[in-house]
Amino acid sequence: MMKIGVIPDSFQVPFKEAVILARDMGVKGLQPFVTRGEMAPENLTAQDRSDILAYVRKNGLEFSALCADFGMNFKSADNSDEIKRTMSMMDLAIDLDTHIITTHIGKVPEDENCEEYFNMVKSIEKLGKYGDEIGVCFATETGPEMSQSLKGVLDKADTKSAKVNLDPANLFMCAGENPVNSVRVLNEYIVHTHAKDGMMLPDGTHKEYRLGDGGVPFFEYISTLKHFGYDGFLTIEREAGETRMADIAHAVKFLTGILEKIY
């Protein structure tokens, strides 16, 4: 059965405080950003990592995934330092007892024969092969391109660990694609999802909304995930708004209601 998670950074408080807030809302998983500050691998000793995991477990939670998005240039042929940094976050995932990191790879080039497309495939392969070795999935977050374009890149990467973190709002707001269709296209790759809502505006820009107030057809979307056998996390992400705490609490209730209906 799918479980509800949250990105603790959405609470806009220190990590340990966010753990308590998540616990008290009935959330079961956490996906923290590990690209900066107190959760970055370069700032954590082995003891720190052990203590963090113990604290999360003591409060009845687990890490659903780690967010490793720091703007790495996947289209560059010279990104070895960025690859190395991402690998350090994959190592951190092992220490925190999760097997998924997520990030954006940038918009997939339309020309499959161009150098940038080739570099993107190779960058994914490098991280995926490292994931094959240590048991960590490198999950690309859906974003500005249609799901079929993303699938094309992943199909070409010679690795088993290149996967997808499906964000339905990004697809709907930025690519104009119904996320239900995206589940059908990408189902074999999906290992983690975000629960976020939004709309594409008439001028081509987009706006994030509270869960259920945007354009994502959540009941059909989650039902389709279930149909294809997904039983991982629906991780709440709230990046905008002045009432984020209340919006996250609403999202937990909203998702709980859907899960109770489809199971």
C-alpha atoms as a PDB file:
ATOM      1  CA  MET A   1       0.000   0.000   0.000  1.00  0.00           C
ATOM      2  CA  MET A   2       1.231   3.473  -0.842  1.00  0.00           C
ATOM      3  CA  LYS A   3       2.407   5.615   2.063  1.00  0.00           C
ATOM      4  CA  ILE A   4       2.407   9.359   2.604  1.00  0.00           C
ATOM      5  CA  GLY A   5       5.677  11.241   2.947  1.00  0.00           C
ATOM      6  CA  VAL A   6       6.794  14.858   3.037  1.00  0.00           C
ATOM      7  CA  ILE A   7       9.785  16.935   2.055  1.00  0.00           C
ATOM      8  CA  PRO A   8      10.771  18.253   5.511  1.00  0.00           C
ATOM      9  CA  ASP A   9      12.229  21.433   3.993  1.00  0.00           C
ATOM     10  CA  SER A  10       8.640  22.406   3.111  1.00  0.00           C
ATOM     11  CA  PHE A  11       8.046  23.099   6.813  1.00  0.00           C
ATOM     12  CA  GLN A  12      10.806  25.753   6.745  1.00  0.00           C
ATOM     13  CA  VAL A  13      12.168  24.706  10.143  1.00  0.00           C
ATOM     14  CA  PRO A  14      15.317  22.779  11.216  1.00  0.00           C
ATOM     15  CA  PHE A  15      15.309  19.082  10.328  1.00  0.00           C
ATOM     16  CA  LYS A  16      14.603  17.649  13.802  1.00  0.00           C
ATOM     17  CA  GLU A  17      11.663  20.007  14.273  1.00  0.00           C
ATOM     18  CA  ALA A  18      10.330  18.949  10.875  1.00  0.00           C
ATOM     19  CA  VAL A  19      10.527  15.295  11.930  1.00  0.00           C
ATOM     20  CA  ILE A  20       8.224  15.990  14.885  1.00  0.00           C
ATOM     21  CA  LEU A  21       5.792  17.981  12.752  1.00  0.00           C
ATOM     22  CA  ALA A  22       5.668  15.188  10.174  1.00  0.00           C
ATOM     23  CA  ARG A  23       5.180  12.545  12.863  1.00  0.00           C
ATOM     24  CA  ASP A  24       2.332  14.458  14.474  1.00  0.00           C
ATOM     25  CA  MET A  25       0.578  14.830  11.098  1.00  0.00           C
ATOM     26  CA  GLY A  26       0.678  11.076  10.568  1.00  0.00           C
ATOM     27  CA  VAL A  27       3.325  11.125   7.833  1.00  0.00           C
ATOM     28  CA  LYS A  28       5.495   8.009   7.444  1.00  0.00           C
ATOM     29  CA  GLY A  29       8.359   9.124   5.198  1.00  0.00           C
ATOM     30  CA  LEU A  30      10.817  11.969   4.724  1.00  0.00           C
ATOM     31  CA  GLN A  31      12.682  13.171   1.649  1.00  0.00           C
ATOM     32  CA  PRO A  32      15.104  15.885   2.753  1.00  0.00           C
ATOM     33  CA  PHE A  33      17.279  18.047   0.533  1.00  0.00           C
ATOM     34  CA  VAL A  34      20.882  16.935   1.053  1.00  0.00           C
ATOM     35  CA  THR A  35      22.530  19.540  -1.145  1.00  0.00           C
ATOM     36  CA  ARG A  36      23.196  22.140   1.522  1.00  0.00           C
ATOM     37  CA  GLY A  37      23.190  22.869   5.242  1.00  0.00           C
ATOM     38  CA  GLU A  38      22.753  20.396   8.055  1.00  0.00           C
ATOM     39  CA  MET A  39      21.889  17.403   5.850  1.00  0.00           C
ATOM     40  CA  ALA A  40      24.644  17.739   3.224  1.00  0.00           C
ATOM     41  CA  PRO A  41      27.026  14.746   3.203  1.00  0.00           C
ATOM     42  CA  GLU A  42      30.115  16.925   3.623  1.00  0.00           C
ATOM     43  CA  ASN A  43      28.663  18.231   6.887  1.00  0.00           C
ATOM     44  CA  LEU A  44      27.854  14.821   8.390  1.00  0.00           C
ATOM     45  CA  THR A  45      30.239  12.466  10.148  1.00  0.00           C
ATOM     46  CA  ALA A  46      29.563   8.744  10.358  1.00  0.00           C
ATOM     47  CA  GLN A  47      28.229   9.276  13.887  1.00  0.00           C
ATOM     48  CA  ASP A  48      25.987  12.139  12.709  1.00  0.00           C
ATOM     49  CA  ARG A  49      24.453   9.868  10.092  1.00  0.00           C
ATOM     50  CA  SER A  50      23.842   7.103  12.590  1.00  0.00           C
ATOM     51  CA  ASP A  51      22.265   9.564  15.043  1.00  0.00           C
ATOM     52  CA  ILE A  52      19.962  11.058  12.391  1.00  0.00           C
ATOM     53  CA  LEU A  53      18.729   7.643  11.296  1.00  0.00           C
ATOM     54  CA  ALA A  54      18.121   6.608  14.915  1.00  0.00           C
ATOM     55  CA  TYR A  55      16.176   9.829  15.582  1.00  0.00           C
ATOM     56  CA  VAL A  56      13.963   9.370  12.523  1.00  0.00           C
ATOM     57  CA  ARG A  57      13.273   5.736  13.393  1.00  0.00           C
ATOM     58  CA  LYS A  58      12.548   6.590  17.032  1.00  0.00           C
ATOM     59  CA  ASN A  59       9.774   8.864  15.797  1.00  0.00           C
ATOM     60  CA  GLY A  60       8.268   6.139  13.630  1.00  0.00           C
ATOM     61  CA  LEU A  61       9.440   7.460  10.276  1.00  0.00           C
ATOM     62  CA  GLU A  62      11.831   6.436   7.510  1.00  0.00           C
ATOM     63  CA  PHE A  63      13.600   8.124   4.634  1.00  0.00           C
ATOM     64  CA  SER A  64      11.615   7.652   1.434  1.00  0.00           C
ATOM     65  CA  ALA A  65      14.413   9.160  -0.690  1.00  0.00           C
ATOM     66  CA  LEU A  66      16.979  11.966  -0.643  1.00  0.00           C
ATOM     67  CA  CYS A  67      16.671  15.062  -2.834  1.00  0.00           C
ATOM     68  CA  ALA A  68      20.055  15.605  -4.507  1.00  0.00           C
ATOM     69  CA  ASP A  69      19.082  18.441  -6.824  1.00  0.00           C
ATOM     70  CA  PHE A  70      21.760  21.152  -6.951  1.00  0.00           C
ATOM     71  CA  GLY A  71      21.634  22.114 -10.620  1.00  0.00           C
ATOM     72  CA  MET A  72      24.156  19.661 -12.058  1.00  0.00           C
ATOM     73  CA  ASN A  73      24.703  20.135 -15.786  1.00  0.00           C
ATOM     74  CA  PHE A  74      23.832  16.752 -17.258  1.00  0.00           C
ATOM     75  CA  LYS A  75      24.381  18.045 -20.791  1.00  0.00           C
ATOM     76  CA  SER A  76      28.046  18.853 -20.234  1.00  0.00           C
ATOM     77  CA  ALA A  77      30.918  16.549 -21.163  1.00  0.00           C
ATOM     78  CA  ASP A  78      32.936  18.014 -18.281  1.00  0.00           C
ATOM     79  CA  ASN A  79      30.886  17.464 -15.129  1.00  0.00           C
ATOM     80  CA  SER A  80      33.091  14.987 -13.259  1.00  0.00           C
ATOM     81  CA  ASP A  81      33.084  17.084 -10.065  1.00  0.00           C
ATOM     82  CA  GLU A  82      29.286  17.237 -10.114  1.00  0.00           C
ATOM     83  CA  ILE A  83      29.105  13.479 -10.728  1.00  0.00           C
ATOM     84  CA  LYS A  84      31.384  12.899  -7.756  1.00  0.00           C
ATOM     85  CA  ARG A  85      29.278  15.158  -5.538  1.00  0.00           C
ATOM     86  CA  THR A  86      26.101  13.339  -6.533  1.00  0.00           C
ATOM     87  CA  MET A  87      27.764  10.016  -5.750  1.00  0.00           C
ATOM     88  CA  SER A  88      28.479  11.272  -2.227  1.00  0.00           C
ATOM     89  CA  MET A  89      24.742  11.788  -1.810  1.00  0.00           C
ATOM     90  CA  MET A  90      24.137   8.249  -3.029  1.00  0.00           C
ATOM     91  CA  ASP A  91      26.542   7.067  -0.320  1.00  0.00           C
ATOM     92  CA  LEU A  92      24.569   9.110   2.213  1.00  0.00           C
ATOM     93  CA  ALA A  93      21.384   7.359   1.078  1.00  0.00           C
ATOM     94  CA  ILE A  94      22.901   4.028   2.101  1.00  0.00           C
ATOM     95  CA  ASP A  95      23.829   5.443   5.519  1.00  0.00           C
ATOM     96  CA  LEU A  96      20.266   6.712   6.013  1.00  0.00           C
ATOM     97  CA  ASP A  97      18.763   3.377   4.931  1.00  0.00           C
ATOM     98  CA  THR A  98      17.108   4.496   1.749  1.00  0.00           C
ATOM     99  CA  HIS A  99      17.902   3.405  -1.771  1.00  0.00           C
ATOM    100  CA  ILE A 100      16.702   6.357  -3.826  1.00  0.00           C
ATOM    101  CA  ILE A 101      18.073   9.798  -4.637  1.00  0.00           C
ATOM    102  CA  THR A 102      16.190  12.206  -6.876  1.00  0.00           C
ATOM    103  CA  THR A 103      17.182  15.181  -9.014  1.00  0.00           C
ATOM    104  CA  HIS A 104      16.287  17.166 -12.112  1.00  0.00           C
ATOM    105  CA  ILE A 105      18.427  16.538 -15.187  1.00  0.00           C
ATOM    106  CA  GLY A 106      17.307  19.592 -17.178  1.00  0.00           C
ATOM    107  CA  LYS A 107      15.155  19.603 -20.290  1.00  0.00           C
ATOM    108  CA  VAL A 108      15.826  16.685 -22.615  1.00  0.00           C
ATOM    109  CA  PRO A 109      17.121  17.948 -25.987  1.00  0.00           C
ATOM    110  CA  GLU A 110      14.773  17.356 -28.920  1.00  0.00           C
ATOM    111  CA  ASP A 111      17.594  16.189 -31.194  1.00  0.00           C
ATOM    112  CA  GLU A 112      18.604  12.691 -30.123  1.00  0.00           C
ATOM    113  CA  ASN A 113      21.752  12.933 -32.243  1.00  0.00           C
ATOM    114  CA  CYS A 114      23.152  16.119 -30.697  1.00  0.00           C
ATOM    115  CA  GLU A 115      26.113  16.200 -28.309  1.00  0.00           C
ATOM    116  CA  GLU A 116      24.035  17.449 -25.375  1.00  0.00           C
ATOM    117  CA  TYR A 117      21.684  14.472 -25.685  1.00  0.00           C
ATOM    118  CA  PHE A 118      24.639  12.086 -25.789  1.00  0.00           C
ATOM    119  CA  ASN A 119      26.197  13.742 -22.729  1.00  0.00           C
ATOM    120  CA  MET A 120      22.911  13.510 -20.816  1.00  0.00           C
ATOM    121  CA  VAL A 121      22.645   9.772 -21.477  1.00  0.00           C
ATOM    122  CA  LYS A 122      26.274   9.265 -20.406  1.00  0.00           C
ATOM    123  CA  SER A 123      25.816  11.292 -17.206  1.00  0.00           C
ATOM    124  CA  ILE A 124      22.780   9.207 -16.263  1.00  0.00           C
ATOM    125  CA  GLU A 125      24.725   6.043 -17.066  1.00  0.00           C
ATOM    126  CA  LYS A 126      27.633   7.014 -14.818  1.00  0.00           C
ATOM    127  CA  LEU A 127      25.373   7.639 -11.850  1.00  0.00           C
ATOM    128  CA  GLY A 128      23.205   4.639 -12.645  1.00  0.00           C
ATOM    129  CA  LYS A 129      26.176   2.286 -12.854  1.00  0.00           C
ATOM    130  CA  TYR A 130      27.393   3.531  -9.487  1.00  0.00           C
ATOM    131  CA  GLY A 131      23.892   2.888  -8.209  1.00  0.00           C
ATOM    132  CA  ASP A 132      24.056  -0.625  -9.654  1.00  0.00           C
ATOM    133  CA  GLU A 133      27.191  -1.213  -7.567  1.00  0.00           C
ATOM    134  CA  ILE A 134      25.928   0.124  -4.229  1.00  0.00           C
ATOM    135  CA  GLY A 135      22.180  -0.514  -4.512  1.00  0.00           C
ATOM    136  CA  VAL A 136      20.866   3.038  -4.905  1.00  0.00           C
ATOM    137  CA  CYS A 137      18.466   4.204  -7.623  1.00  0.00           C
ATOM    138  CA  PHE A 138      19.194   7.461  -9.404  1.00  0.00           C
ATOM    139  CA  ALA A 139      15.683   8.811 -10.003  1.00  0.00           C
ATOM    140  CA  THR A 140      15.135  11.636 -12.471  1.00  0.00           C
ATOM    141  CA  GLU A 141      12.323  13.982 -11.497  1.00  0.00           C
ATOM    142  CA  THR A 142       9.768  14.660 -14.208  1.00  0.00           C
ATOM    143  CA  GLY A 143       9.783  18.255 -15.299  1.00  0.00           C
ATOM    144  CA  PRO A 144       9.704  20.354 -18.455  1.00  0.00           C
ATOM    145  CA  GLU A 145       9.534  17.611 -21.101  1.00  0.00           C
ATOM    146  CA  MET A 146       6.831  15.117 -21.997  1.00  0.00           C
ATOM    147  CA  SER A 147       7.169  11.738 -20.325  1.00  0.00           C
ATOM    148  CA  GLN A 148       7.877   9.969 -23.629  1.00  0.00           C
ATOM    149  CA  SER A 149      10.988  12.133 -24.124  1.00  0.00           C
ATOM    150  CA  LEU A 150      12.247  11.284 -20.663  1.00  0.00           C
ATOM    151  CA  LYS A 151      11.600   7.603 -21.245  1.00  0.00           C
ATOM    152  CA  GLY A 152      13.645   7.795 -24.426  1.00  0.00           C
ATOM    153  CA  VAL A 153      16.716   9.010 -22.523  1.00  0.00           C
ATOM    154  CA  LEU A 154      16.336   6.403 -19.796  1.00  0.00           C
ATOM    155  CA  ASP A 155      15.858   3.627 -22.351  1.00  0.00           C
ATOM    156  CA  LYS A 156      19.225   4.525 -23.883  1.00  0.00           C
ATOM    157  CA  ALA A 157      21.140   4.595 -20.575  1.00  0.00           C
ATOM    158  CA  ASP A 158      22.968   1.306 -20.004  1.00  0.00           C
ATOM    159  CA  THR A 159      22.094   0.846 -16.330  1.00  0.00           C
ATOM    160  CA  LYS A 160      19.389  -0.756 -14.206  1.00  0.00           C
ATOM    161  CA  SER A 161      19.395   1.973 -11.556  1.00  0.00           C
ATOM    162  CA  ALA A 162      18.225   4.911 -13.683  1.00  0.00           C
ATOM    163  CA  LYS A 163      14.648   5.460 -12.505  1.00  0.00           C
ATOM    164  CA  VAL A 164      11.960   8.155 -12.166  1.00  0.00           C
ATOM    165  CA  ASN A 165      10.638  10.364  -9.401  1.00  0.00           C
ATOM    166  CA  LEU A 166       7.242  11.297 -10.814  1.00  0.00           C
ATOM    167  CA  ASP A 167       6.016  14.788  -9.942  1.00  0.00           C
ATOM    168  CA  PRO A 168       2.499  15.113 -11.377  1.00  0.00           C
ATOM    169  CA  ALA A 169       2.343  18.886 -10.928  1.00  0.00           C
ATOM    170  CA  ASN A 170       5.562  19.473 -12.869  1.00  0.00           C
ATOM    171  CA  LEU A 171       4.162  17.486 -15.770  1.00  0.00           C
ATOM    172  CA  PHE A 172       0.823  19.271 -15.694  1.00  0.00           C
ATOM    173  CA  MET A 173       2.170  22.803 -15.038  1.00  0.00           C
ATOM    174  CA  CYS A 174       5.269  22.784 -17.230  1.00  0.00           C
ATOM    175  CA  ALA A 175       4.752  20.185 -19.946  1.00  0.00           C
ATOM    176  CA  GLY A 176       0.956  20.346 -20.193  1.00  0.00           C
ATOM    177  CA  GLU A 177       0.727  16.565 -19.858  1.00  0.00           C
ATOM    178  CA  ASN A 178      -1.894  14.642 -17.922  1.00  0.00           C
ATOM    179  CA  PRO A 179       0.099  12.765 -15.243  1.00  0.00           C
ATOM    180  CA  VAL A 180      -2.206   9.771 -15.636  1.00  0.00           C
ATOM    181  CA  ASN A 181      -0.726   9.306 -19.091  1.00  0.00           C
ATOM    182  CA  SER A 182       2.756   9.785 -17.628  1.00  0.00           C
ATOM    183  CA  VAL A 183       2.211   6.867 -15.257  1.00  0.00           C
ATOM    184  CA  ARG A 184       1.262   4.684 -18.211  1.00  0.00           C
ATOM    185  CA  VAL A 185       4.391   5.722 -20.127  1.00  0.00           C
ATOM    186  CA  LEU A 186       6.906   5.627 -17.275  1.00  0.00           C
ATOM    187  CA  ASN A 187       5.462   2.959 -14.969  1.00  0.00           C
ATOM    188  CA  GLU A 188       8.435   0.581 -15.277  1.00  0.00           C
ATOM    189  CA  TYR A 189      10.763   3.336 -14.050  1.00  0.00           C
ATOM    190  CA  ILE A 190       8.754   4.911 -11.211  1.00  0.00           C
ATOM    191  CA  VAL A 191      10.297   4.345  -7.757  1.00  0.00           C
ATOM    192  CA  HIS A 192       9.197   7.527  -5.960  1.00  0.00           C
ATOM    193  CA  THR A 193       6.580  10.237  -6.440  1.00  0.00           C
ATOM    194  CA  HIS A 194       5.796  13.746  -5.278  1.00  0.00           C
ATOM    195  CA  ALA A 195       2.372  14.954  -4.241  1.00  0.00           C
ATOM    196  CA  LYS A 196       2.135  18.495  -5.548  1.00  0.00           C
ATOM    197  CA  ASP A 197      -0.556  20.394  -7.430  1.00  0.00           C
ATOM    198  CA  GLY A 198      -0.632  23.320  -9.827  1.00  0.00           C
ATOM    199  CA  MET A 199      -1.849  24.835 -13.075  1.00  0.00           C
ATOM    200  CA  MET A 200      -0.390  26.141 -16.300  1.00  0.00           C
ATOM    201  CA  LEU A 201      -1.571  29.746 -16.673  1.00  0.00           C
ATOM    202  CA  PRO A 202      -2.873  31.321 -19.917  1.00  0.00           C
ATOM    203  CA  ASP A 203       0.375  33.271 -20.404  1.00  0.00           C
ATOM    204  CA  GLY A 204       2.416  30.067 -20.364  1.00  0.00           C
ATOM    205  CA  THR A 205       3.716  30.452 -16.834  1.00  0.00           C
ATOM    206  CA  HIS A 206       2.650  28.147 -14.018  1.00  0.00           C
ATOM    207  CA  LYS A 207       1.458  28.363 -10.435  1.00  0.00           C
ATOM    208  CA  GLU A 208       1.526  25.878  -7.580  1.00  0.00           C
ATOM    209  CA  TYR A 209      -1.686  25.310  -5.616  1.00  0.00           C
ATOM    210  CA  ARG A 210      -2.711  23.496  -2.469  1.00  0.00           C
ATOM    211  CA  LEU A 211      -3.287  19.795  -3.115  1.00  0.00           C
ATOM    212  CA  GLY A 212      -6.693  19.317  -4.728  1.00  0.00           C
ATOM    213  CA  ASP A 213      -7.022  22.959  -5.802  1.00  0.00           C
ATOM    214  CA  GLY A 214      -4.931  22.697  -8.975  1.00  0.00           C
ATOM    215  CA  GLY A 215      -5.361  20.662 -12.121  1.00  0.00           C
ATOM    216  CA  VAL A 216      -3.862  17.298 -11.172  1.00  0.00           C
ATOM    217  CA  PRO A 217      -6.572  14.589 -11.225  1.00  0.00           C
ATOM    218  CA  PHE A 218      -5.299  12.953  -8.068  1.00  0.00           C
ATOM    219  CA  PHE A 219      -7.860  10.172  -7.665  1.00  0.00           C
ATOM    220  CA  GLU A 220      -7.321   8.878 -11.189  1.00  0.00           C
ATOM    221  CA  TYR A 221      -3.573   9.479 -10.951  1.00  0.00           C
ATOM    222  CA  ILE A 222      -3.139   7.503  -7.706  1.00  0.00           C
ATOM    223  CA  SER A 223      -5.510   4.787  -8.929  1.00  0.00           C
ATOM    224  CA  THR A 224      -3.354   4.402 -12.040  1.00  0.00           C
ATOM    225  CA  LEU A 225      -0.205   4.149  -9.935  1.00  0.00           C
ATOM    226  CA  LYS A 226      -1.897   1.365  -7.974  1.00  0.00           C
ATOM    227  CA  HIS A 227      -2.968  -0.363 -11.200  1.00  0.00           C
ATOM    228  CA  PHE A 228       0.657  -0.584 -12.317  1.00  0.00           C
ATOM    229  CA  GLY A 229       1.774  -1.955  -8.963  1.00  0.00           C
ATOM    230  CA  TYR A 230       3.355   1.116  -7.412  1.00  0.00           C
ATOM    231  CA  ASP A 231       3.346   0.839  -3.611  1.00  0.00           C
ATOM    232  CA  GLY A 232       5.923   3.456  -2.628  1.00  0.00           C
ATOM    233  CA  PHE A 233       5.594   6.956  -1.238  1.00  0.00           C
ATOM    234  CA  LEU A 234       3.428   9.903  -2.185  1.00  0.00           C
ATOM    235  CA  THR A 235       5.744  12.611  -0.878  1.00  0.00           C
ATOM    236  CA  ILE A 236       4.138  15.987  -0.238  1.00  0.00           C
ATOM    237  CA  GLU A 237       6.069  18.973  -1.588  1.00  0.00           C
ATOM    238  CA  ARG A 238       4.896  22.527  -0.921  1.00  0.00           C
ATOM    239  CA  GLU A 239       7.208  25.114  -2.453  1.00  0.00           C
ATOM    240  CA  ALA A 240       4.954  28.186  -2.413  1.00  0.00           C
ATOM    241  CA  GLY A 241       2.254  29.904  -0.391  1.00  0.00           C
ATOM    242  CA  GLU A 242       2.030  31.668   2.954  1.00  0.00           C
ATOM    243  CA  THR A 243       0.266  28.839   4.827  1.00  0.00           C
ATOM    244  CA  ARG A 244       2.549  25.904   4.118  1.00  0.00           C
ATOM    245  CA  MET A 245       2.031  24.188   7.474  1.00  0.00           C
ATOM    246  CA  ALA A 246      -1.728  24.173   7.056  1.00  0.00           C
ATOM    247  CA  ASP A 247      -1.390  23.197   3.390  1.00  0.00           C
ATOM    248  CA  ILE A 248       0.739  20.165   4.283  1.00  0.00           C
ATOM    249  CA  ALA A 249      -1.745  19.088   6.956  1.00  0.00           C
ATOM    250  CA  HIS A 250      -4.526  19.433   4.378  1.00  0.00           C
ATOM    251  CA  ALA A 251      -2.499  17.378   1.887  1.00  0.00           C
ATOM    252  CA  VAL A 252      -2.115  14.533   4.390  1.00  0.00           C
ATOM    253  CA  LYS A 253      -5.880  14.389   4.923  1.00  0.00           C
ATOM    254  CA  PHE A 254      -6.547  14.741   1.193  1.00  0.00           C
ATOM    255  CA  LEU A 255      -4.242  11.857   0.261  1.00  0.00           C
ATOM    256  CA  THR A 256      -5.451   9.705   3.159  1.00  0.00           C
ATOM    257  CA  GLY A 257      -9.011  10.061   1.903  1.00  0.00           C
ATOM    258  CA  ILE A 258      -8.031   8.923  -1.593  1.00  0.00           C
ATOM    259  CA  LEU A 259      -6.008   5.958  -0.335  1.00  0.00           C
ATOM    260  CA  GLU A 260      -8.901   4.827   1.872  1.00  0.00           C
ATOM    261  CA  LYS A 261     -11.166   4.787  -1.188  1.00  0.00           C
ATOM    262  CA  ILE A 262      -8.878   2.884  -3.565  1.00  0.00           C
ATOM    263  CA  TYR A 263      -7.620   0.213  -1.138  1.00  0.00           C
END
